[in-house]
Every structure is written in C-alpha cells, then in structure tokens.
Amino acid sequence: KSQIEAFYADLRTNGILPTVDKYYADNAVLAEAGQEAKVGKPAIVAAETYFANMLEKTGHFEAIEVHDIIIDGDKAVIEQTLSLKFKDSNDIVKQHQLDIQVWSNGKIVKETFWHEKH
C-alpha cells in the first residue's frame, strides 16, 4: 500500500511523465476501458506525453483524490477522482475512476483504467 501511495504522491508532485518513468516496468501494458492497450514503456510514454501536452494547453489537474485502495497480492484496485480545471472557462470536470494495477519488483507491469465523468 505504501508503494501505491508513493506513486500517487509522485503523480501529484512531479506530474505524469516522471511518474511513468519511475514506476512502470519496461514491458508494462496500459489500457483504458474500450481503447487499444499501450504495450511497453515507450508506447506508454508516447501516449502520456500526448495527454500531458494536451492537458497543458487546455488546463491542469486540480486534484487527484484517492478514496480507497484494495490490495490482493501483487494486484491493487484504486478508487479515485481526478479533477481537471480548464483554462478558458475555469470549469472543473471530475472523473471518477477505478485504476487496476499489477505490480512486480516494485514496478507496474499492467494497468487498466475504468472511468466515468461527472
């Protein structure tokens, strides 16, 4: 649990790209429900770079709130809410999601997001 809490603390403090570099295994797989999986750290970095650049143009993460963490061996389910604040309107969009992670040797080897927008 402390490793997962450190992951989210780094995400809040350092942003997406340094956190991906630090916590994802080279052969990691990242998927969002209904989308094609990104396989390997280079593909994940490319996708997250695109997302970070888009986010920088339109707004920023206002908050990442972790509600619950359930752990079973090397697997974890994290319930969280992301708050995105948009530059042009100051509107905040909240996205509630479940983040399913599989860890090995201190790295994320598989991660799947299931989310809904409020």
Protein backbone atom coordinates (compact mmCIF):
# COMPACT_ATOMS: atom_id res chain seq x y z
CA LYS A 1 0.00 0.00 0.00
CA SER A 2 2.83 2.41 0.79
CA GLN A 3 4.24 1.92 -2.72
CA ILE A 4 0.88 2.82 -4.27
CA GLU A 5 0.55 5.86 -2.01
CA ALA A 6 4.07 6.93 -3.08
CA PHE A 7 3.04 6.50 -6.74
CA TYR A 8 0.10 8.89 -6.29
CA ALA A 9 2.16 11.33 -4.23
CA ASP A 10 4.72 11.44 -7.07
CA LEU A 11 1.94 11.88 -9.62
CA ARG A 12 0.58 14.87 -7.68
CA THR A 13 4.01 16.43 -7.07
CA ASN A 14 6.04 15.57 -10.15
CA GLY A 15 3.45 15.02 -12.87
CA ILE A 16 2.68 12.25 -15.28
CA LEU A 17 5.90 11.73 -17.22
CA PRO A 18 8.41 11.48 -14.35
CA THR A 19 6.00 9.17 -12.53
CA VAL A 20 5.61 6.89 -15.56
CA ASP A 21 9.39 6.73 -15.92
CA LYS A 22 9.88 5.86 -12.26
CA TYR A 23 7.09 3.34 -11.67
CA TYR A 24 6.37 1.50 -14.94
CA ALA A 25 8.25 -1.63 -15.99
CA ASP A 26 9.86 -1.59 -19.42
CA ASN A 27 7.35 -4.22 -20.62
CA ALA A 28 4.30 -2.64 -18.94
CA VAL A 29 0.84 -2.65 -20.53
CA LEU A 30 -1.53 0.30 -20.03
CA ALA A 31 -5.17 0.26 -21.12
CA GLU A 32 -8.26 2.36 -20.73
CA ALA A 33 -11.60 0.64 -21.00
CA GLY A 34 -12.62 0.36 -24.64
CA GLN A 35 -9.28 1.51 -26.06
CA GLU A 36 -6.32 -0.31 -27.53
CA ALA A 37 -3.64 -1.14 -24.97
CA LYS A 38 -0.27 0.60 -25.00
CA VAL A 39 2.40 -2.09 -24.78
CA GLY A 40 5.88 -1.28 -23.47
CA LYS A 41 7.17 1.78 -21.68
CA PRO A 42 7.99 3.69 -24.92
CA ALA A 43 4.36 3.38 -26.11
CA ILE A 44 3.08 4.41 -22.67
CA VAL A 45 5.45 7.40 -22.54
CA ALA A 46 4.33 8.47 -26.04
CA ALA A 47 0.64 8.28 -25.08
CA GLU A 48 1.15 10.04 -21.75
CA THR A 49 3.30 12.73 -23.43
CA TYR A 50 0.44 13.42 -25.83
CA PHE A 51 -2.01 13.57 -22.90
CA ALA A 52 0.29 15.83 -20.83
CA ASN A 53 0.77 18.22 -23.76
CA MET A 54 -2.96 18.36 -24.44
CA LEU A 55 -3.66 18.92 -20.76
CA GLU A 56 -1.07 21.71 -20.56
CA LYS A 57 -2.78 23.54 -23.43
CA THR A 58 -6.28 23.24 -22.00
CA GLY A 59 -5.87 23.16 -18.23
CA HIS A 60 -4.35 21.18 -15.39
CA PHE A 61 -5.05 18.61 -12.69
CA GLU A 62 -6.68 20.49 -9.85
CA ALA A 63 -6.68 17.41 -7.60
CA ILE A 64 -6.16 13.66 -7.55
CA GLU A 65 -8.15 12.21 -4.67
CA VAL A 66 -7.65 8.56 -3.72
CA HIS A 67 -10.75 7.20 -1.98
CA ASP A 68 -9.82 3.58 -1.43
CA ILE A 69 -7.06 1.07 -2.13
CA ILE A 70 -7.75 -2.66 -2.18
CA ILE A 71 -4.75 -4.97 -2.39
CA ASP A 72 -4.63 -8.69 -3.13
CA GLY A 73 -1.08 -9.96 -3.51
CA ASP A 74 0.53 -8.16 -6.46
CA LYS A 75 -2.78 -6.63 -7.61
CA ALA A 76 -4.40 -3.40 -6.48
CA VAL A 77 -7.63 -1.57 -7.22
CA ILE A 78 -7.55 2.15 -6.55
CA GLU A 79 -10.76 4.18 -6.49
CA GLN A 80 -10.03 7.80 -7.26
CA THR A 81 -11.40 11.08 -8.54
CA LEU A 82 -9.42 13.33 -10.88
CA SER A 83 -10.39 17.00 -11.02
CA LEU A 84 -9.40 18.76 -14.23
CA LYS A 85 -9.58 22.56 -14.35
CA PHE A 86 -9.88 24.19 -17.78
CA LYS A 87 -8.03 27.44 -18.56
CA ASP A 88 -10.62 29.07 -20.80
CA SER A 89 -13.62 28.66 -18.50
CA ASN A 90 -12.20 27.75 -15.06
CA ASP A 91 -14.69 24.86 -15.15
CA ILE A 92 -13.70 21.79 -13.19
CA VAL A 93 -14.56 18.38 -14.59
CA LYS A 94 -14.39 15.45 -12.21
CA GLN A 95 -13.62 11.98 -13.47
CA HIS A 96 -14.28 9.10 -11.10
CA GLN A 97 -12.30 6.00 -11.96
CA LEU A 98 -11.02 2.63 -10.89
CA ASP A 99 -7.36 2.01 -11.55
CA ILE A 100 -6.45 -1.68 -11.62
CA GLN A 101 -2.72 -2.25 -11.25
CA VAL A 102 -0.48 -5.32 -11.25
CA TRP A 103 2.95 -4.84 -9.66
CA SER A 104 6.17 -6.85 -9.95
CA ASN A 105 9.55 -6.00 -8.43
CA GLY A 106 8.39 -2.51 -7.42
CA LYS A 107 7.08 -1.61 -10.90
CA ILE A 108 3.68 -1.51 -12.54
CA VAL A 109 3.50 -4.23 -15.20
CA LYS A 110 -0.18 -3.82 -16.08
CA GLU A 111 -2.65 -1.02 -15.50
CA THR A 112 -6.24 -0.64 -16.65
CA PHE A 113 -8.50 2.38 -16.09
CA TRP A 114 -12.29 2.26 -15.89
CA HIS A 115 -13.85 5.69 -15.60
CA GLU A 116 -16.94 7.82 -15.76
CA LYS A 117 -17.26 11.59 -15.95
CA HIS A 118 -19.40 13.67 -13.62
